[in-house]
Amino acid sequence: MTYPSDLNRSISELLSTLGRNDAGSAAEAAPVVQGVGEAADGMVRVVTLPGGQIESVWIDPA
């Protein structure tokens, strides 16, 4: 007979093991996705991340 405490412990151990393995491999395998846009003959550059986040904005001081 399986007791609830044993089942909870088994599930926790499984999730912990999966979390360790997935976190390491996902960080190594997942490429960084960026979008780059330029305007005014390259004098303005914007780099974006997924979800519409702006990573950087560069404006030529000239």
PDB file of N, CA and C in Angstrom:
ATOM      1  N   MET A   1       0.842  -1.175   0.000  1.00  0.00           N
ATOM      2  CA  MET A   1       0.000   0.000   0.000  1.00  0.00           C
ATOM      3  C   MET A   1       0.891   1.243   0.000  1.00  0.00           C
ATOM      4  N   THR A   2       0.543   2.200  -0.830  1.00  0.00           N
ATOM      5  CA  THR A   2       1.301   3.451  -0.907  1.00  0.00           C
ATOM      6  C   THR A   2       0.642   4.488  -0.023  1.00  0.00           C
ATOM      7  N   TYR A   3       1.455   5.125   0.801  1.00  0.00           N
ATOM      8  CA  TYR A   3       0.942   6.161   1.691  1.00  0.00           C
ATOM      9  C   TYR A   3       1.116   7.528   1.028  1.00  0.00           C
ATOM     10  N   PRO A   4       0.200   8.464   1.334  1.00  0.00           N
ATOM     11  CA  PRO A   4       0.290   9.798   0.725  1.00  0.00           C
ATOM     12  C   PRO A   4       1.639  10.482   0.955  1.00  0.00           C
ATOM     13  N   SER A   5       2.232  10.311   2.125  1.00  0.00           N
ATOM     14  CA  SER A   5       3.518  10.952   2.391  1.00  0.00           C
ATOM     15  C   SER A   5       4.616  10.386   1.493  1.00  0.00           C
ATOM     16  N   ASP A   6       4.558   9.068   1.215  1.00  0.00           N
ATOM     17  CA  ASP A   6       5.531   8.455   0.308  1.00  0.00           C
ATOM     18  C   ASP A   6       5.351   8.970  -1.117  1.00  0.00           C
ATOM     19  N   LEU A   7       4.114   9.106  -1.528  1.00  0.00           N
ATOM     20  CA  LEU A   7       3.817   9.608  -2.866  1.00  0.00           C
ATOM     21  C   LEU A   7       4.268  11.056  -3.010  1.00  0.00           C
ATOM     22  N   ASN A   8       4.009  11.879  -2.015  1.00  0.00           N
ATOM     23  CA  ASN A   8       4.457  13.272  -2.042  1.00  0.00           C
ATOM     24  C   ASN A   8       5.975  13.357  -2.129  1.00  0.00           C
ATOM     25  N   ARG A   9       6.654  12.532  -1.368  1.00  0.00           N
ATOM     26  CA  ARG A   9       8.121  12.527  -1.386  1.00  0.00           C
ATOM     27  C   ARG A   9       8.637  12.105  -2.762  1.00  0.00           C
ATOM     28  N   SER A  10       8.024  11.081  -3.347  1.00  0.00           N
ATOM     29  CA  SER A  10       8.441  10.602  -4.666  1.00  0.00           C
ATOM     30  C   SER A  10       8.229  11.668  -5.736  1.00  0.00           C
ATOM     31  N   ILE A  11       7.097  12.341  -5.684  1.00  0.00           N
ATOM     32  CA  ILE A  11       6.816  13.399  -6.654  1.00  0.00           C
ATOM     33  C   ILE A  11       7.790  14.553  -6.474  1.00  0.00           C
ATOM     34  N   SER A  12       8.074  14.930  -5.245  1.00  0.00           N
ATOM     35  CA  SER A  12       9.021  16.014  -4.981  1.00  0.00           C
ATOM     36  C   SER A  12      10.414  15.674  -5.497  1.00  0.00           C
ATOM     37  N   GLU A  13      10.848  14.431  -5.268  1.00  0.00           N
ATOM     38  CA  GLU A  13      12.159  14.002  -5.755  1.00  0.00           C
ATOM     39  C   GLU A  13      12.207  14.009  -7.278  1.00  0.00           C
ATOM     40  N   LEU A  14      11.136  13.552  -7.905  1.00  0.00           N
ATOM     41  CA  LEU A  14      11.070  13.532  -9.363  1.00  0.00           C
ATOM     42  C   LEU A  14      11.140  14.948  -9.928  1.00  0.00           C
ATOM     43  N   LEU A  15      10.350  15.850  -9.375  1.00  0.00           N
ATOM     44  CA  LEU A  15      10.354  17.237  -9.850  1.00  0.00           C
ATOM     45  C   LEU A  15      11.709  17.900  -9.626  1.00  0.00           C
ATOM     46  N   SER A  16      12.331  17.601  -8.508  1.00  0.00           N
ATOM     47  CA  SER A  16      13.650  18.153  -8.229  1.00  0.00           C
ATOM     48  C   SER A  16      14.671  17.660  -9.244  1.00  0.00           C
ATOM     49  N   THR A  17      14.628  16.370  -9.538  1.00  0.00           N
ATOM     50  CA  THR A  17      15.559  15.795 -10.513  1.00  0.00           C
ATOM     51  C   THR A  17      15.316  16.369 -11.901  1.00  0.00           C
ATOM     52  N   LEU A  18      14.083  16.469 -12.308  1.00  0.00           N
ATOM     53  CA  LEU A  18      13.763  17.030 -13.617  1.00  0.00           C
ATOM     54  C   LEU A  18      14.172  18.492 -13.703  1.00  0.00           C
ATOM     55  N   GLY A  19      13.951  19.232 -12.643  1.00  0.00           N
ATOM     56  CA  GLY A  19      14.317  20.641 -12.624  1.00  0.00           C
ATOM     57  C   GLY A  19      15.809  20.837 -12.784  1.00  0.00           C
ATOM     58  N   ARG A  20      16.600  20.021 -12.137  1.00  0.00           N
ATOM     59  CA  ARG A  20      18.061  20.138 -12.254  1.00  0.00           C
ATOM     60  C   ARG A  20      18.508  19.813 -13.662  1.00  0.00           C
ATOM     61  N   ASN A  21      17.991  18.745 -14.230  1.00  0.00           N
ATOM     62  CA  ASN A  21      18.424  18.331 -15.568  1.00  0.00           C
ATOM     63  C   ASN A  21      17.934  19.299 -16.634  1.00  0.00           C
ATOM     64  N   ASP A  22      16.683  19.722 -16.568  1.00  0.00           N
ATOM     65  CA  ASP A  22      16.136  20.615 -17.574  1.00  0.00           C
ATOM     66  C   ASP A  22      16.741  21.994 -17.506  1.00  0.00           C
ATOM     67  N   ALA A  23      16.983  22.506 -16.317  1.00  0.00           N
ATOM     68  CA  ALA A  23      17.512  23.863 -16.185  1.00  0.00           C
ATOM     69  C   ALA A  23      18.892  23.977 -16.814  1.00  0.00           C
ATOM     70  N   GLY A  24      19.725  22.987 -16.608  1.00  0.00           N
ATOM     71  CA  GLY A  24      21.065  23.041 -17.180  1.00  0.00           C
ATOM     72  C   GLY A  24      21.052  22.896 -18.680  1.00  0.00           C
ATOM     73  N   SER A  25      20.296  21.955 -19.210  1.00  0.00           N
ATOM     74  CA  SER A  25      20.293  21.734 -20.650  1.00  0.00           C
ATOM     75  C   SER A  25      19.518  22.811 -21.376  1.00  0.00           C
ATOM     76  N   ALA A  26      18.454  23.325 -20.781  1.00  0.00           N
ATOM     77  CA  ALA A  26      17.667  24.365 -21.443  1.00  0.00           C
ATOM     78  C   ALA A  26      18.470  25.654 -21.573  1.00  0.00           C
ATOM     79  N   ALA A  27      19.240  25.986 -20.559  1.00  0.00           N
ATOM     80  CA  ALA A  27      20.035  27.206 -20.619  1.00  0.00           C
ATOM     81  C   ALA A  27      21.108  27.107 -21.692  1.00  0.00           C
ATOM     82  N   GLU A  28      21.649  25.915 -21.882  1.00  0.00           N
ATOM     83  CA  GLU A  28      22.680  25.730 -22.887  1.00  0.00           C
ATOM     84  C   GLU A  28      22.088  25.649 -24.286  1.00  0.00           C
ATOM     85  N   ALA A  29      20.912  25.041 -24.436  1.00  0.00           N
ATOM     86  CA  ALA A  29      20.350  24.783 -25.747  1.00  0.00           C
ATOM     87  C   ALA A  29      19.530  25.946 -26.290  1.00  0.00           C
ATOM     88  N   ALA A  30      18.948  26.761 -25.428  1.00  0.00           N
ATOM     89  CA  ALA A  30      18.058  27.828 -25.884  1.00  0.00           C
ATOM     90  C   ALA A  30      18.851  29.023 -26.406  1.00  0.00           C
ATOM     91  N   PRO A  31      18.709  29.322 -27.689  1.00  0.00           N
ATOM     92  CA  PRO A  31      19.412  30.481 -28.230  1.00  0.00           C
ATOM     93  C   PRO A  31      18.729  31.774 -27.806  1.00  0.00           C
ATOM     94  N   VAL A  32      19.484  32.829 -27.748  1.00  0.00           N
ATOM     95  CA  VAL A  32      18.921  34.140 -27.432  1.00  0.00           C
ATOM     96  C   VAL A  32      18.336  34.702 -28.719  1.00  0.00           C
ATOM     97  N   VAL A  33      17.054  35.020 -28.693  1.00  0.00           N
ATOM     98  CA  VAL A  33      16.372  35.554 -29.868  1.00  0.00           C
ATOM     99  C   VAL A  33      16.298  37.065 -29.731  1.00  0.00           C
ATOM    100  N   GLN A  34      16.773  37.761 -30.759  1.00  0.00           N
ATOM    101  CA  GLN A  34      16.758  39.215 -30.747  1.00  0.00           C
ATOM    102  C   GLN A  34      16.266  39.709 -32.099  1.00  0.00           C
ATOM    103  N   GLY A  35      15.693  40.898 -32.078  1.00  0.00           N
ATOM    104  CA  GLY A  35      15.351  41.591 -33.313  1.00  0.00           C
ATOM    105  C   GLY A  35      16.139  42.881 -33.347  1.00  0.00           C
ATOM    106  N   VAL A  36      16.689  43.226 -34.511  1.00  0.00           N
ATOM    107  CA  VAL A  36      17.478  44.446 -34.643  1.00  0.00           C
ATOM    108  C   VAL A  36      16.861  45.276 -35.749  1.00  0.00           C
ATOM    109  N   GLY A  37      16.635  46.547 -35.449  1.00  0.00           N
ATOM    110  CA  GLY A  37      16.108  47.463 -36.452  1.00  0.00           C
ATOM    111  C   GLY A  37      16.993  48.685 -36.541  1.00  0.00           C
ATOM    112  N   GLU A  38      17.214  49.172 -37.768  1.00  0.00           N
ATOM    113  CA  GLU A  38      18.034  50.359 -37.985  1.00  0.00           C
ATOM    114  C   GLU A  38      17.256  51.363 -38.809  1.00  0.00           C
ATOM    115  N   ALA A  39      17.574  52.637 -38.578  1.00  0.00           N
ATOM    116  CA  ALA A  39      16.943  53.718 -39.335  1.00  0.00           C
ATOM    117  C   ALA A  39      17.958  54.826 -39.537  1.00  0.00           C
ATOM    118  N   ALA A  40      17.601  55.781 -40.382  1.00  0.00           N
ATOM    119  CA  ALA A  40      18.438  56.956 -40.650  1.00  0.00           C
ATOM    120  C   ALA A  40      19.851  56.543 -41.063  1.00  0.00           C
ATOM    121  N   ASP A  41      19.909  55.648 -42.054  1.00  0.00           N
ATOM    122  CA  ASP A  41      21.195  55.168 -42.572  1.00  0.00           C
ATOM    123  C   ASP A  41      22.098  54.589 -41.485  1.00  0.00           C
ATOM    124  N   GLY A  42      21.511  53.838 -40.538  1.00  0.00           N
ATOM    125  CA  GLY A  42      22.287  53.188 -39.494  1.00  0.00           C
ATOM    126  C   GLY A  42      22.621  54.078 -38.308  1.00  0.00           C
ATOM    127  N   MET A  43      22.071  55.270 -38.268  1.00  0.00           N
ATOM    128  CA  MET A  43      22.385  56.180 -37.166  1.00  0.00           C
ATOM    129  C   MET A  43      21.533  55.905 -35.928  1.00  0.00           C
ATOM    130  N   VAL A  44      20.465  55.114 -36.083  1.00  0.00           N
ATOM    131  CA  VAL A  44      19.607  54.718 -34.963  1.00  0.00           C
ATOM    132  C   VAL A  44      19.452  53.204 -35.026  1.00  0.00           C
ATOM    133  N   ARG A  45      19.707  52.546 -33.898  1.00  0.00           N
ATOM    134  CA  ARG A  45      19.601  51.082 -33.846  1.00  0.00           C
ATOM    135  C   ARG A  45      18.868  50.690 -32.573  1.00  0.00           C
ATOM    136  N   VAL A  46      17.907  49.779 -32.707  1.00  0.00           N
ATOM    137  CA  VAL A  46      17.145  49.262 -31.568  1.00  0.00           C
ATOM    138  C   VAL A  46      17.239  47.747 -31.577  1.00  0.00           C
ATOM    139  N   VAL A  47      17.534  47.162 -30.423  1.00  0.00           N
ATOM    140  CA  VAL A  47      17.580  45.708 -30.265  1.00  0.00           C
ATOM    141  C   VAL A  47      16.435  45.318 -29.339  1.00  0.00           C
ATOM    142  N   THR A  48      15.610  44.356 -29.794  1.00  0.00           N
ATOM    143  CA  THR A  48      14.461  43.915 -29.003  1.00  0.00           C
ATOM    144  C   THR A  48      14.581  42.443 -28.652  1.00  0.00           C
ATOM    145  N   LEU A  49      13.839  42.058 -27.622  1.00  0.00           N
ATOM    146  CA  LEU A  49      13.772  40.671 -27.150  1.00  0.00           C
ATOM    147  C   LEU A  49      12.352  40.163 -27.345  1.00  0.00           C
ATOM    148  N   PRO A  50      12.136  38.864 -27.200  1.00  0.00           N
ATOM    149  CA  PRO A  50      10.768  38.343 -27.319  1.00  0.00           C
ATOM    150  C   PRO A  50       9.818  39.043 -26.357  1.00  0.00           C
ATOM    151  N   GLY A  51       8.599  39.201 -26.788  1.00  0.00           N
ATOM    152  CA  GLY A  51       7.592  39.852 -25.962  1.00  0.00           C
ATOM    153  C   GLY A  51       7.586  41.363 -26.120  1.00  0.00           C
ATOM    154  N   GLY A  52       8.388  41.889 -27.047  1.00  0.00           N
ATOM    155  CA  GLY A  52       8.410  43.323 -27.289  1.00  0.00           C
ATOM    156  C   GLY A  52       9.287  44.112 -26.341  1.00  0.00           C
ATOM    157  N   GLN A  53      10.099  43.435 -25.549  1.00  0.00           N
ATOM    158  CA  GLN A  53      10.992  44.151 -24.635  1.00  0.00           C
ATOM    159  C   GLN A  53      12.147  44.759 -25.423  1.00  0.00           C
ATOM    160  N   ILE A  54      12.507  45.975 -25.066  1.00  0.00           N
ATOM    161  CA  ILE A  54      13.633  46.648 -25.706  1.00  0.00           C
ATOM    162  C   ILE A  54      14.886  46.373 -24.897  1.00  0.00           C
ATOM    163  N   GLU A  55      15.884  45.793 -25.554  1.00  0.00           N
ATOM    164  CA  GLU A  55      17.143  45.520 -24.882  1.00  0.00           C
ATOM    165  C   GLU A  55      18.047  46.745 -24.908  1.00  0.00           C
ATOM    166  N   SER A  56      18.136  47.405 -26.064  1.00  0.00           N
ATOM    167  CA  SER A  56      18.991  48.581 -26.147  1.00  0.00           C
ATOM    168  C   SER A  56      18.550  49.490 -27.288  1.00  0.00           C
ATOM    169  N   VAL A  57      18.880  50.756 -27.124  1.00  0.00           N
ATOM    170  CA  VAL A  57      18.652  51.767 -28.158  1.00  0.00           C
ATOM    171  C   VAL A  57      19.974  52.519 -28.307  1.00  0.00           C
ATOM    172  N   TRP A  58      20.441  52.635 -29.553  1.00  0.00           N
ATOM    173  CA  TRP A  58      21.680  53.335 -29.814  1.00  0.00           C
ATOM    174  C   TRP A  58      21.398  54.419 -30.839  1.00  0.00           C
ATOM    175  N   ILE A  59      21.843  55.640 -30.541  1.00  0.00           N
ATOM    176  CA  ILE A  59      21.690  56.777 -31.453  1.00  0.00           C
ATOM    177  C   ILE A  59      23.082  57.364 -31.672  1.00  0.00           C
ATOM    178  N   ASP A  60      23.465  57.469 -32.934  1.00  0.00           N
ATOM    179  CA  ASP A  60      24.766  58.029 -33.283  1.00  0.00           C
ATOM    180  C   ASP A  60      24.819  59.488 -32.815  1.00  0.00           C
ATOM    181  N   PRO A  61      25.821  59.844 -32.025  1.00  0.00           N
ATOM    182  CA  PRO A  61      25.888  61.215 -31.511  1.00  0.00           C
ATOM    183  C   PRO A  61      26.084  62.259 -32.611  1.00  0.00           C
ATOM    184  N   ALA A  62      26.529  61.833 -33.773  1.00  0.00           N
ATOM    185  CA  ALA A  62      26.708  62.789 -34.861  1.00  0.00           C
ATOM    186  C   ALA A  62      25.365  63.191 -35.384  1.00  0.00           C
TER     187      ALA A  62
END
